[in-house]
């Protein structure tokens, strides 16, 4: 039984790195379409309200959020690396450091998901207020991207769902490990009694 659990924990720790990297890539990509379609609509960088397209200020409104979100995604990667630093991927017996690293991964994953979801929904609503007819004219005139797609806003459900699922699976693995350790300790104690 320990062999299956050790294989599972190694897989889950690798998956945690991958999921954290996905969050990082999402943080990098979320503003891509907004930059390509809205940045050039603002003719005066000193006054973002001087724009060819009403509502394009959402691009600037998202800047601070995106900076924080990117930093948080780097923290997620570091927390996934912490699983490896504490040997959570190979350790036969878990110690307090293993449980702490798993708890931190789950807690911060939930936090970043709530933080991200809250702001992304606000900015999605702002994006939907963009004057898309004016944006289309601007794109045709200047050869820039025209999009009404909310893909980059909507995909956060998948990304954050994956992140929370990963944290939950790590916790389930820790519970499984704890039970196996308890059973092993009971068997060892039985063996000692039998020898006495």
C-alpha atoms as a PDB file:
ATOM      1  CA  UNK A   1       0.000   0.000   0.000  1.00  0.00           C
ATOM      2  CA  UNK A   2       2.891   2.341   0.796  1.00  0.00           C
ATOM      3  CA  UNK A   3       4.239   1.845  -2.743  1.00  0.00           C
ATOM      4  CA  UNK A   4       1.006   3.120  -4.322  1.00  0.00           C
ATOM      5  CA  UNK A   5       0.920   6.057  -1.940  1.00  0.00           C
ATOM      6  CA  UNK A   6       4.572   6.970  -2.614  1.00  0.00           C
ATOM      7  CA  UNK A   7       3.896   6.889  -6.362  1.00  0.00           C
ATOM      8  CA  UNK A   8       0.801   9.049  -5.899  1.00  0.00           C
ATOM      9  CA  UNK A   9       2.591  11.634  -3.778  1.00  0.00           C
ATOM     10  CA  UNK A  10       5.434  11.937  -6.303  1.00  0.00           C
ATOM     11  CA  UNK A  11       2.907  12.427  -9.108  1.00  0.00           C
ATOM     12  CA  UNK A  12       0.933  14.994  -7.096  1.00  0.00           C
ATOM     13  CA  UNK A  13       4.016  17.051  -6.240  1.00  0.00           C
ATOM     14  CA  UNK A  14       5.016  17.150  -9.913  1.00  0.00           C
ATOM     15  CA  UNK A  15       1.439  18.058 -10.837  1.00  0.00           C
ATOM     16  CA  UNK A  16       1.524  20.879  -8.254  1.00  0.00           C
ATOM     17  CA  UNK A  17       4.522  22.401 -10.061  1.00  0.00           C
ATOM     18  CA  UNK A  18       2.737  22.091 -13.415  1.00  0.00           C
ATOM     19  CA  UNK A  19      -0.511  23.620 -12.104  1.00  0.00           C
ATOM     20  CA  UNK A  20       1.421  26.497 -10.500  1.00  0.00           C
ATOM     21  CA  UNK A  21       3.175  27.081 -13.838  1.00  0.00           C
ATOM     22  CA  UNK A  22      -0.228  27.159 -15.564  1.00  0.00           C
ATOM     23  CA  UNK A  23      -1.351  29.870 -13.128  1.00  0.00           C
ATOM     24  CA  UNK A  24       1.850  31.798 -13.914  1.00  0.00           C
ATOM     25  CA  UNK A  25       1.292  31.477 -17.678  1.00  0.00           C
ATOM     26  CA  UNK A  26      -2.306  32.588 -17.232  1.00  0.00           C
ATOM     27  CA  UNK A  27      -1.130  35.658 -15.301  1.00  0.00           C
ATOM     28  CA  UNK A  28       1.238  36.444 -18.184  1.00  0.00           C
ATOM     29  CA  UNK A  29      -1.414  35.909 -20.846  1.00  0.00           C
ATOM     30  CA  UNK A  30      -4.528  37.464 -19.363  1.00  0.00           C
ATOM     31  CA  UNK A  31      -3.735  40.939 -20.718  1.00  0.00           C
ATOM     32  CA  UNK A  32      -2.544  39.831 -24.176  1.00  0.00           C
ATOM     33  CA  UNK A  33      -5.740  40.516 -26.124  1.00  0.00           C
ATOM     34  CA  UNK A  34      -6.429  43.691 -24.159  1.00  0.00           C
ATOM     35  CA  UNK A  35      -2.994  45.059 -25.023  1.00  0.00           C
ATOM     36  CA  UNK A  36      -3.279  44.106 -28.695  1.00  0.00           C
ATOM     37  CA  UNK A  37      -6.750  45.590 -29.098  1.00  0.00           C
ATOM     38  CA  UNK A  38      -7.048  48.484 -26.616  1.00  0.00           C
ATOM     39  CA  UNK A  39      -3.593  49.931 -25.965  1.00  0.00           C
ATOM     40  CA  UNK A  40      -3.370  51.843 -29.272  1.00  0.00           C
ATOM     41  CA  UNK A  41      -6.821  53.349 -28.818  1.00  0.00           C
ATOM     42  CA  UNK A  42      -5.447  55.676 -26.137  1.00  0.00           C
ATOM     43  CA  UNK A  43      -3.724  58.539 -27.894  1.00  0.00           C
ATOM     44  CA  UNK A  44      -2.475  60.349 -24.786  1.00  0.00           C
ATOM     45  CA  UNK A  45      -0.679  58.150 -22.219  1.00  0.00           C
ATOM     46  CA  UNK A  46      -0.881  61.015 -19.704  1.00  0.00           C
ATOM     47  CA  UNK A  47      -4.673  61.015 -19.886  1.00  0.00           C
ATOM     48  CA  UNK A  48      -6.080  57.539 -20.432  1.00  0.00           C
ATOM     49  CA  UNK A  49      -9.570  58.952 -20.819  1.00  0.00           C
ATOM     50  CA  UNK A  50      -8.556  60.568 -24.132  1.00  0.00           C
ATOM     51  CA  UNK A  51      -9.350  57.551 -26.236  1.00  0.00           C
ATOM     52  CA  UNK A  52     -10.735  56.629 -29.636  1.00  0.00           C
ATOM     53  CA  UNK A  53     -12.814  53.882 -28.006  1.00  0.00           C
ATOM     54  CA  UNK A  54     -15.018  54.442 -24.972  1.00  0.00           C
ATOM     55  CA  UNK A  55     -14.336  51.907 -22.239  1.00  0.00           C
ATOM     56  CA  UNK A  56     -10.796  51.070 -23.331  1.00  0.00           C
ATOM     57  CA  UNK A  57      -9.548  52.364 -19.974  1.00  0.00           C
ATOM     58  CA  UNK A  58     -10.137  48.822 -18.668  1.00  0.00           C
ATOM     59  CA  UNK A  59      -6.653  48.009 -20.005  1.00  0.00           C
ATOM     60  CA  UNK A  60      -5.119  50.535 -17.610  1.00  0.00           C
ATOM     61  CA  UNK A  61      -7.469  49.597 -14.786  1.00  0.00           C
ATOM     62  CA  UNK A  62      -6.138  46.034 -14.919  1.00  0.00           C
ATOM     63  CA  UNK A  63      -2.443  46.963 -14.725  1.00  0.00           C
ATOM     64  CA  UNK A  64      -2.086  46.965 -10.933  1.00  0.00           C
ATOM     65  CA  UNK A  65      -4.172  43.818 -10.544  1.00  0.00           C
ATOM     66  CA  UNK A  66      -2.083  42.026 -13.165  1.00  0.00           C
ATOM     67  CA  UNK A  67       1.158  43.004 -11.432  1.00  0.00           C
ATOM     68  CA  UNK A  68      -0.077  41.621  -8.086  1.00  0.00           C
ATOM     69  CA  UNK A  69      -1.549  38.522  -9.743  1.00  0.00           C
ATOM     70  CA  UNK A  70       1.763  37.799 -11.482  1.00  0.00           C
ATOM     71  CA  UNK A  71       3.622  38.116  -8.163  1.00  0.00           C
ATOM     72  CA  UNK A  72       1.102  35.788  -6.505  1.00  0.00           C
ATOM     73  CA  UNK A  73       1.571  33.228  -9.279  1.00  0.00           C
ATOM     74  CA  UNK A  74       5.331  33.273  -8.608  1.00  0.00           C
ATOM     75  CA  UNK A  75       4.583  32.635  -4.915  1.00  0.00           C
ATOM     76  CA  UNK A  76       2.449  29.638  -6.002  1.00  0.00           C
ATOM     77  CA  UNK A  77       5.435  28.211  -7.888  1.00  0.00           C
ATOM     78  CA  UNK A  78       7.646  28.731  -4.828  1.00  0.00           C
ATOM     79  CA  UNK A  79       5.095  26.938  -2.635  1.00  0.00           C
ATOM     80  CA  UNK A  80       5.081  24.025  -5.084  1.00  0.00           C
ATOM     81  CA  UNK A  81       8.886  23.956  -4.913  1.00  0.00           C
ATOM     82  CA  UNK A  82       8.568  23.918  -1.108  1.00  0.00           C
ATOM     83  CA  UNK A  83       6.878  20.519  -1.449  1.00  0.00           C
ATOM     84  CA  UNK A  84      10.127  19.256  -2.959  1.00  0.00           C
ATOM     85  CA  UNK A  85      12.337  21.081  -0.459  1.00  0.00           C
ATOM     86  CA  UNK A  86      10.493  19.317   2.393  1.00  0.00           C
ATOM     87  CA  UNK A  87      10.782  16.006   0.467  1.00  0.00           C
ATOM     88  CA  UNK A  88       7.015  15.628   0.342  1.00  0.00           C
ATOM     89  CA  UNK A  89       7.438  13.837  -3.004  1.00  0.00           C
ATOM     90  CA  UNK A  90       9.657  11.008  -1.655  1.00  0.00           C
ATOM     91  CA  UNK A  91       9.388  10.891   2.122  1.00  0.00           C
ATOM     92  CA  UNK A  92       8.056   7.655   3.547  1.00  0.00           C
ATOM     93  CA  UNK A  93       7.009   9.335   6.776  1.00  0.00           C
ATOM     94  CA  UNK A  94       5.620  12.863   6.838  1.00  0.00           C
ATOM     95  CA  UNK A  95       6.790  15.338   9.439  1.00  0.00           C
ATOM     96  CA  UNK A  96       5.396  18.733  10.437  1.00  0.00           C
ATOM     97  CA  UNK A  97       7.212  20.464   7.547  1.00  0.00           C
ATOM     98  CA  UNK A  98       5.413  18.270   5.017  1.00  0.00           C
ATOM     99  CA  UNK A  99       2.007  19.071   6.476  1.00  0.00           C
ATOM    100  CA  UNK A 100       2.826  22.789   6.640  1.00  0.00           C
ATOM    101  CA  UNK A 101       3.962  22.911   2.998  1.00  0.00           C
ATOM    102  CA  UNK A 102       0.777  21.140   1.873  1.00  0.00           C
ATOM    103  CA  UNK A 103      -1.415  23.452   3.989  1.00  0.00           C
ATOM    104  CA  UNK A 104       0.343  26.543   2.616  1.00  0.00           C
ATOM    105  CA  UNK A 105      -0.143  25.349  -0.966  1.00  0.00           C
ATOM    106  CA  UNK A 106      -3.864  24.769  -0.419  1.00  0.00           C
ATOM    107  CA  UNK A 107      -4.457  27.960   1.588  1.00  0.00           C
ATOM    108  CA  UNK A 108      -2.644  30.220  -0.863  1.00  0.00           C
ATOM    109  CA  UNK A 109      -4.283  28.440  -3.788  1.00  0.00           C
ATOM    110  CA  UNK A 110      -7.708  29.215  -2.324  1.00  0.00           C
ATOM    111  CA  UNK A 111      -6.674  32.797  -1.573  1.00  0.00           C
ATOM    112  CA  UNK A 112      -5.293  33.497  -5.057  1.00  0.00           C
ATOM    113  CA  UNK A 113      -8.417  31.918  -6.595  1.00  0.00           C
ATOM    114  CA  UNK A 114     -10.789  34.133  -4.599  1.00  0.00           C
ATOM    115  CA  UNK A 115      -8.627  37.217  -5.226  1.00  0.00           C
ATOM    116  CA  UNK A 116      -8.333  36.484  -8.934  1.00  0.00           C
ATOM    117  CA  UNK A 117     -11.976  35.559  -9.467  1.00  0.00           C
ATOM    118  CA  UNK A 118     -13.224  38.700  -7.714  1.00  0.00           C
ATOM    119  CA  UNK A 119     -11.130  41.109  -9.772  1.00  0.00           C
ATOM    120  CA  UNK A 120     -11.384  39.250 -13.066  1.00  0.00           C
ATOM    121  CA  UNK A 121     -15.178  39.360 -12.886  1.00  0.00           C
ATOM    122  CA  UNK A 122     -15.034  43.126 -12.208  1.00  0.00           C
ATOM    123  CA  UNK A 123     -12.710  43.698 -15.176  1.00  0.00           C
ATOM    124  CA  UNK A 124     -14.757  41.424 -17.416  1.00  0.00           C
ATOM    125  CA  UNK A 125     -17.802  43.592 -16.704  1.00  0.00           C
ATOM    126  CA  UNK A 126     -15.732  46.701 -17.548  1.00  0.00           C
ATOM    127  CA  UNK A 127     -14.494  45.076 -20.771  1.00  0.00           C
ATOM    128  CA  UNK A 128     -18.075  44.373 -21.836  1.00  0.00           C
ATOM    129  CA  UNK A 129     -18.723  48.144 -21.563  1.00  0.00           C
ATOM    130  CA  UNK A 130     -16.201  48.836 -24.351  1.00  0.00           C
ATOM    131  CA  UNK A 131     -17.701  50.498 -27.452  1.00  0.00           C
ATOM    132  CA  UNK A 132     -17.094  47.549 -29.773  1.00  0.00           C
ATOM    133  CA  UNK A 133     -18.367  49.380 -32.864  1.00  0.00           C
ATOM    134  CA  UNK A 134     -15.723  52.084 -32.322  1.00  0.00           C
ATOM    135  CA  UNK A 135     -13.127  49.399 -31.557  1.00  0.00           C
ATOM    136  CA  UNK A 136     -13.903  47.665 -34.853  1.00  0.00           C
ATOM    137  CA  UNK A 137     -13.495  50.926 -36.768  1.00  0.00           C
ATOM    138  CA  UNK A 138     -10.219  51.619 -34.975  1.00  0.00           C
ATOM    139  CA  UNK A 139      -8.910  48.101 -35.699  1.00  0.00           C
ATOM    140  CA  UNK A 140      -9.753  48.385 -39.398  1.00  0.00           C
ATOM    141  CA  UNK A 141      -8.177  51.849 -39.636  1.00  0.00           C
ATOM    142  CA  UNK A 142      -4.958  51.059 -37.750  1.00  0.00           C
ATOM    143  CA  UNK A 143      -4.611  47.314 -38.396  1.00  0.00           C
ATOM    144  CA  UNK A 144      -4.842  46.338 -34.727  1.00  0.00           C
ATOM    145  CA  UNK A 145      -6.596  43.365 -33.171  1.00  0.00           C
ATOM    146  CA  UNK A 146     -10.358  43.463 -32.888  1.00  0.00           C
ATOM    147  CA  UNK A 147     -11.935  41.108 -30.393  1.00  0.00           C
ATOM    148  CA  UNK A 148     -15.072  40.905 -28.336  1.00  0.00           C
ATOM    149  CA  UNK A 149     -13.953  37.595 -26.873  1.00  0.00           C
ATOM    150  CA  UNK A 150     -13.968  37.185 -23.114  1.00  0.00           C
ATOM    151  CA  UNK A 151     -11.905  33.978 -23.360  1.00  0.00           C
ATOM    152  CA  UNK A 152      -9.032  35.252 -21.176  1.00  0.00           C
ATOM    153  CA  UNK A 153     -11.525  36.322 -18.526  1.00  0.00           C
ATOM    154  CA  UNK A 154     -13.587  33.121 -18.667  1.00  0.00           C
ATOM    155  CA  UNK A 155     -10.704  30.635 -18.594  1.00  0.00           C
ATOM    156  CA  UNK A 156      -9.974  31.628 -14.991  1.00  0.00           C
ATOM    157  CA  UNK A 157     -12.712  29.205 -13.873  1.00  0.00           C
ATOM    158  CA  UNK A 158     -10.660  26.326 -15.274  1.00  0.00           C
ATOM    159  CA  UNK A 159      -7.298  27.637 -14.015  1.00  0.00           C
ATOM    160  CA  UNK A 160      -8.458  28.357 -10.468  1.00  0.00           C
ATOM    161  CA  UNK A 161     -10.564  25.192 -10.343  1.00  0.00           C
ATOM    162  CA  UNK A 162      -7.463  23.196 -11.255  1.00  0.00           C
ATOM    163  CA  UNK A 163      -5.440  25.024  -8.585  1.00  0.00           C
ATOM    164  CA  UNK A 164      -7.958  24.324  -5.812  1.00  0.00           C
ATOM    165  CA  UNK A 165      -8.354  20.699  -6.945  1.00  0.00           C
ATOM    166  CA  UNK A 166      -4.572  20.291  -6.780  1.00  0.00           C
ATOM    167  CA  UNK A 167      -4.503  21.564  -3.184  1.00  0.00           C
ATOM    168  CA  UNK A 168      -7.362  19.263  -2.194  1.00  0.00           C
ATOM    169  CA  UNK A 169      -5.604  16.256  -3.759  1.00  0.00           C
ATOM    170  CA  UNK A 170      -2.439  17.084  -1.810  1.00  0.00           C
ATOM    171  CA  UNK A 171      -4.476  17.169   1.410  1.00  0.00           C
ATOM    172  CA  UNK A 172      -6.184  13.862   0.535  1.00  0.00           C
ATOM    173  CA  UNK A 173      -2.753  12.370  -0.083  1.00  0.00           C
ATOM    174  CA  UNK A 174      -1.559  13.644   3.321  1.00  0.00           C
ATOM    175  CA  UNK A 175      -4.585  12.055   5.019  1.00  0.00           C
ATOM    176  CA  UNK A 176      -3.881   8.787   3.207  1.00  0.00           C
ATOM    177  CA  UNK A 177      -0.229   8.989   4.316  1.00  0.00           C
ATOM    178  CA  UNK A 178      -1.252   9.727   7.916  1.00  0.00           C
ATOM    179  CA  UNK A 179      -3.520   6.664   8.005  1.00  0.00           C
ATOM    180  CA  UNK A 180      -0.782   4.431   6.595  1.00  0.00           C
ATOM    181  CA  UNK A 181       1.708   5.771   9.137  1.00  0.00           C
ATOM    182  CA  UNK A 182      -0.800   5.101  11.933  1.00  0.00           C
ATOM    183  CA  UNK A 183      -1.437   1.555  10.687  1.00  0.00           C
ATOM    184  CA  UNK A 184       2.297   0.927  10.409  1.00  0.00           C
ATOM    185  CA  UNK A 185       2.868   2.190  13.963  1.00  0.00           C
ATOM    186  CA  UNK A 186       0.073  -0.118  15.208  1.00  0.00           C
ATOM    187  CA  UNK A 187       1.648  -3.119  13.437  1.00  0.00           C
ATOM    188  CA  UNK A 188       5.060  -2.321  14.918  1.00  0.00           C
ATOM    189  CA  UNK A 189       3.532  -2.037  18.394  1.00  0.00           C
ATOM    190  CA  UNK A 190       1.747  -5.397  17.903  1.00  0.00           C
ATOM    191  CA  UNK A 191       5.050  -6.966  16.852  1.00  0.00           C
ATOM    192  CA  UNK A 192       6.755  -5.654  19.991  1.00  0.00           C
ATOM    193  CA  UNK A 193       4.015  -7.027  22.210  1.00  0.00           C
ATOM    194  CA  UNK A 194       4.220 -10.405  20.486  1.00  0.00           C
ATOM    195  CA  UNK A 195       7.990 -10.568  21.104  1.00  0.00           C
ATOM    196  CA  UNK A 196       7.661  -9.629  24.784  1.00  0.00           C
END
